[in-house]
Protein backbone atom coordinates (compact mmCIF):
# COMPACT_ATOMS: atom_id res chain seq x y z
CA UNK A 1 -0.06 -0.59 0.21
CA UNK A 2 2.80 2.51 0.51
CA UNK A 3 4.06 1.27 -2.09
CA UNK A 4 1.09 2.38 -4.28
CA UNK A 5 0.53 5.36 -2.41
CA UNK A 6 3.75 6.75 -3.03
CA UNK A 7 3.31 5.77 -6.70
CA UNK A 8 0.38 7.81 -6.66
CA UNK A 9 2.09 11.06 -5.72
CA UNK A 10 5.14 10.86 -7.51
CA UNK A 11 2.38 10.60 -11.25
CA UNK A 12 0.56 13.45 -9.55
CA UNK A 13 3.76 15.01 -9.29
CA UNK A 14 5.50 14.33 -12.94
CA UNK A 15 1.48 15.55 -14.34
CA UNK A 16 1.65 18.80 -11.79
CA UNK A 17 5.94 18.90 -13.37
CA UNK A 18 4.57 18.53 -16.72
CA UNK A 19 2.14 20.92 -16.38
CA UNK A 20 3.81 23.75 -15.98
CA UNK A 21 6.21 23.14 -17.93
CA UNK A 22 3.75 22.99 -21.07
CA UNK A 23 2.49 26.80 -19.59
CA UNK A 24 5.80 28.24 -18.94
CA UNK A 25 6.59 26.81 -22.17
CA UNK A 26 3.18 28.67 -23.87
CA UNK A 27 3.62 32.26 -21.81
CA UNK A 28 7.60 32.25 -23.79
CA UNK A 29 6.16 31.69 -27.06
CA UNK A 30 3.60 34.39 -26.50
CA UNK A 31 6.25 36.99 -24.79
CA UNK A 32 8.83 35.60 -27.78
CA UNK A 33 6.12 36.30 -30.78
CA UNK A 34 5.13 39.34 -29.47
CA UNK A 35 8.74 40.86 -29.19
CA UNK A 36 9.34 39.19 -32.71
CA UNK A 37 5.99 40.99 -34.16
CA UNK A 38 8.14 44.59 -32.63
CA UNK A 39 11.10 43.58 -33.49
CA UNK A 40 9.54 42.97 -37.42
CA UNK A 41 7.46 46.39 -37.37
CA UNK A 42 11.63 48.83 -36.50
CA UNK A 43 13.44 46.68 -39.42
CA UNK A 44 10.44 46.86 -41.96
CA UNK A 45 10.61 50.67 -41.23
CA UNK A 46 14.52 51.34 -41.95
CA UNK A 47 16.32 50.02 -44.68
CA UNK A 48 18.94 49.22 -43.52
CA UNK A 49 18.32 46.31 -42.33
CA UNK A 50 17.18 42.71 -43.33
CA UNK A 51 15.95 40.35 -40.75
CA UNK A 52 17.58 36.55 -41.44
CA UNK A 53 16.41 33.54 -39.96
CA UNK A 54 19.74 33.39 -36.79
CA UNK A 55 20.37 29.54 -37.86
CA UNK A 56 21.88 30.83 -41.64
CA UNK A 57 23.87 33.49 -39.71
CA UNK A 58 27.51 31.59 -39.32
CA UNK A 59 29.19 30.29 -36.45
CA UNK A 60 31.68 33.04 -35.24
CA UNK A 61 29.11 36.00 -36.22
CA UNK A 62 29.64 38.45 -33.61
CA UNK A 63 26.16 39.42 -31.53
CA UNK A 64 25.35 43.10 -30.41
CA UNK A 65 22.79 42.92 -26.61
CA UNK A 66 20.06 45.82 -27.14
CA UNK A 67 17.99 45.62 -23.46
CA UNK A 68 14.95 46.99 -25.31
CA UNK A 69 12.93 46.77 -28.28
CA UNK A 70 13.50 50.85 -27.93
CA UNK A 71 17.14 51.22 -28.47
CA UNK A 72 17.17 48.43 -31.30
CA UNK A 73 14.73 50.80 -33.00
CA UNK A 74 17.62 53.82 -32.24
CA UNK A 75 20.50 51.89 -33.81
CA UNK A 76 18.25 51.26 -36.58
CA UNK A 77 17.58 55.09 -37.16
CA UNK A 78 21.22 56.67 -36.92
CA UNK A 79 21.65 53.77 -39.36
CA UNK A 80 20.01 55.07 -41.63
CA UNK A 81 20.87 58.55 -41.92
CA UNK A 82 24.26 57.48 -41.71
CA UNK A 83 22.97 55.17 -45.55
CA UNK A 84 20.72 58.59 -46.25
CA UNK A 85 23.11 58.39 -49.81
CA UNK A 86 22.34 54.96 -50.76
CA UNK A 87 20.51 55.53 -53.61
CA UNK A 88 19.89 51.53 -53.86
CA UNK A 89 18.18 48.72 -52.29
CA UNK A 90 21.33 46.75 -51.38
CA UNK A 91 19.62 43.77 -50.57
CA UNK A 92 19.00 43.37 -53.75
CA UNK A 93 21.86 41.40 -56.14
CA UNK A 94 21.62 43.76 -59.34
CA UNK A 95 25.79 43.87 -59.68
CA UNK A 96 25.89 46.75 -61.75
CA UNK A 97 23.73 49.99 -61.75
CA UNK A 98 26.06 53.27 -63.66
CA UNK A 99 28.84 53.60 -65.89
CA UNK A 100 30.48 57.25 -67.50
CA UNK A 101 29.02 57.91 -70.51
CA UNK A 102 32.63 58.52 -71.80
CA UNK A 103 33.79 55.49 -74.75
CA UNK A 104 37.13 55.06 -76.69
CA UNK A 105 36.90 52.86 -79.12
CA UNK A 106 40.41 51.41 -79.59
CA UNK A 107 41.65 49.89 -76.62
CA UNK A 108 44.17 47.73 -74.71
CA UNK A 109 43.77 44.44 -71.87
CA UNK A 110 42.22 43.82 -70.22
CA UNK A 111 43.53 43.87 -67.15
CA UNK A 112 43.32 42.94 -63.50
CA UNK A 113 44.61 45.44 -60.38
CA UNK A 114 43.91 43.96 -56.91
CA UNK A 115 43.45 46.61 -55.10
CA UNK A 116 43.64 46.87 -50.89
CA UNK A 117 40.75 49.07 -49.88
CA UNK A 118 40.73 50.27 -46.21
CA UNK A 119 36.89 50.69 -44.70
CA UNK A 120 35.96 53.85 -42.86
CA UNK A 121 34.72 52.41 -39.53
CA UNK A 122 31.28 52.93 -37.89
CA UNK A 123 30.51 54.05 -34.89
CA UNK A 124 27.02 52.27 -35.31
CA UNK A 125 26.56 49.47 -33.27
CA UNK A 126 24.89 47.78 -35.77
CA UNK A 127 27.46 47.90 -38.48
CA UNK A 128 30.90 48.67 -36.51
CA UNK A 129 30.96 45.15 -35.62
CA UNK A 130 30.45 43.88 -39.16
CA UNK A 131 32.91 45.38 -40.84
CA UNK A 132 35.74 44.42 -42.01
CA UNK A 133 38.81 46.15 -42.10
CA UNK A 134 39.94 46.36 -45.19
CA UNK A 135 38.36 44.78 -48.37
CA UNK A 136 39.92 43.10 -51.89
CA UNK A 137 38.50 44.75 -54.45
CA UNK A 138 39.81 42.92 -57.66
CA UNK A 139 39.34 45.60 -60.83
CA UNK A 140 39.16 44.10 -64.35
CA UNK A 141 39.04 46.97 -67.36
CA UNK A 142 40.44 47.88 -70.66
CA UNK A 143 42.42 50.96 -71.50
CA UNK A 144 44.26 53.60 -73.55
CA UNK A 145 47.67 55.13 -74.04
CA UNK A 146 50.58 53.94 -72.26
CA UNK A 147 52.72 56.41 -69.47
CA UNK A 148 51.59 58.92 -67.88
CA UNK A 149 49.11 59.05 -70.89
CA UNK A 150 47.39 55.56 -70.46
CA UNK A 151 43.04 56.16 -69.61
CA UNK A 152 40.49 54.07 -68.80
CA UNK A 153 38.56 52.54 -71.90
CA UNK A 154 36.03 50.83 -69.54
CA UNK A 155 35.72 49.07 -66.18
CA UNK A 156 33.88 45.71 -67.18
CA UNK A 157 34.27 43.96 -64.03
CA UNK A 158 34.59 45.09 -60.17
CA UNK A 159 34.33 42.65 -57.59
CA UNK A 160 34.93 41.97 -54.07
CA UNK A 161 35.46 40.27 -51.10
CA UNK A 162 37.13 40.67 -47.78
CA UNK A 163 38.98 37.31 -45.30
CA UNK A 164 35.43 36.60 -43.05
CA UNK A 165 36.53 38.33 -40.06
CA UNK A 166 34.28 39.17 -38.46
CA UNK A 167 32.20 38.09 -41.35
CA UNK A 168 32.20 38.15 -44.63
CA UNK A 169 31.56 40.95 -46.84
CA UNK A 170 28.48 40.62 -49.21
CA UNK A 171 29.00 42.42 -52.51
CA UNK A 172 25.34 43.06 -54.34
CA UNK A 173 25.86 46.54 -56.41
CA UNK A 174 28.86 48.38 -57.76
CA UNK A 175 28.70 51.78 -59.70
CA UNK A 176 31.31 53.85 -60.92
CA UNK A 177 32.17 56.87 -62.79
CA UNK A 178 35.67 58.36 -64.24
CA UNK A 179 37.68 61.18 -63.38
CA UNK A 180 40.81 63.33 -64.46
CA UNK A 181 39.72 62.50 -68.19
CA UNK A 182 39.72 58.82 -67.74
CA UNK A 183 42.98 58.19 -65.82
CA UNK A 184 40.96 57.85 -62.28
CA UNK A 185 37.80 55.69 -61.84
CA UNK A 186 35.54 56.02 -58.75
CA UNK A 187 33.36 53.13 -57.52
CA UNK A 188 30.56 52.65 -54.81
CA UNK A 189 30.52 49.13 -53.30
CA UNK A 190 26.83 48.24 -52.21
CA UNK A 191 26.39 45.40 -50.04
CA UNK A 192 26.07 43.99 -47.04
CA UNK A 193 27.12 42.42 -43.89
CA UNK A 194 25.96 39.59 -41.25
CA UNK A 195 25.33 40.63 -37.24
CA UNK A 196 23.49 38.67 -34.17
CA UNK A 197 20.96 40.77 -31.76
CA UNK A 198 19.40 39.88 -28.98
CA UNK A 199 16.72 42.25 -28.68
CA UNK A 200 14.83 41.88 -24.81
CA UNK A 201 16.16 38.70 -24.44
CA UNK A 202 15.52 37.46 -28.04
CA UNK A 203 18.07 36.24 -30.22
CA UNK A 204 17.74 38.02 -34.23
CA UNK A 205 20.01 37.43 -37.11
CA UNK A 206 20.33 40.73 -39.95
CA UNK A 207 21.99 41.69 -42.93
CA UNK A 208 23.48 45.05 -42.28
CA UNK A 209 22.88 47.40 -45.07
CA UNK A 210 26.70 49.02 -46.02
CA UNK A 211 28.15 50.88 -48.52
CA UNK A 212 31.81 51.35 -50.03
CA UNK A 213 33.63 53.52 -51.80
CA UNK A 214 37.29 54.67 -53.15
CA UNK A 215 38.99 56.03 -56.59
CA UNK A 216 41.98 54.41 -58.09
CA UNK A 217 44.02 56.03 -60.97
CA UNK A 218 46.23 54.38 -62.84
CA UNK A 219 49.19 53.45 -61.90
CA UNK A 220 49.09 55.24 -58.99
CA UNK A 221 48.99 52.92 -54.97
CA UNK A 222 46.84 49.35 -54.48
CA UNK A 223 46.56 50.06 -50.94
CA UNK A 224 43.56 52.67 -50.90
CA UNK A 225 41.49 54.57 -47.79
CA UNK A 226 37.34 54.50 -48.37
CA UNK A 227 36.20 57.94 -48.56
């Protein structure tokens, strides 16, 4: 009898424990849904972020913590202000946007120059932790002339990448224009880095928009600071 009573008590305790666990899980789910809805509403009003599944974040992705959704919203507003000159949706892979309307029919090449561009640092908490110190740019082009008279005739390809630390820079598009009688080219790279964030206890993944602008002159240094 004592064994039966003990067994019933243990069974009732187990049911009670499971019931409490289910109840707590339901509350947690409701809380998580409410926070995620708030976060999505904030993100949908920003051009500088695209939310992704947290499971898509590569191992070692930087994590930024925000105590409140309001703190997260403030950081996004500041980032939108920093990105106010962006003329494209950097999350769309459009490759190539603009080219100078100057054309030269005779040319030599093509050549490929590999350039190191040191990135202009952002103070925004979401952007700063993801930006690489530098990106490598492969510039494929044709030219006319020789020596000091050498000029670009066409920049046919611009591809950039980073070392993967703290995350991979992903270029989605670029534009370019020529200056100094086509002896130099100004390049704007558009793309993003990924970041993780924990907002009021809720983890998310995100793509953070960025733009890298630099100018390159034929025969000039291949180590360049972004504008």
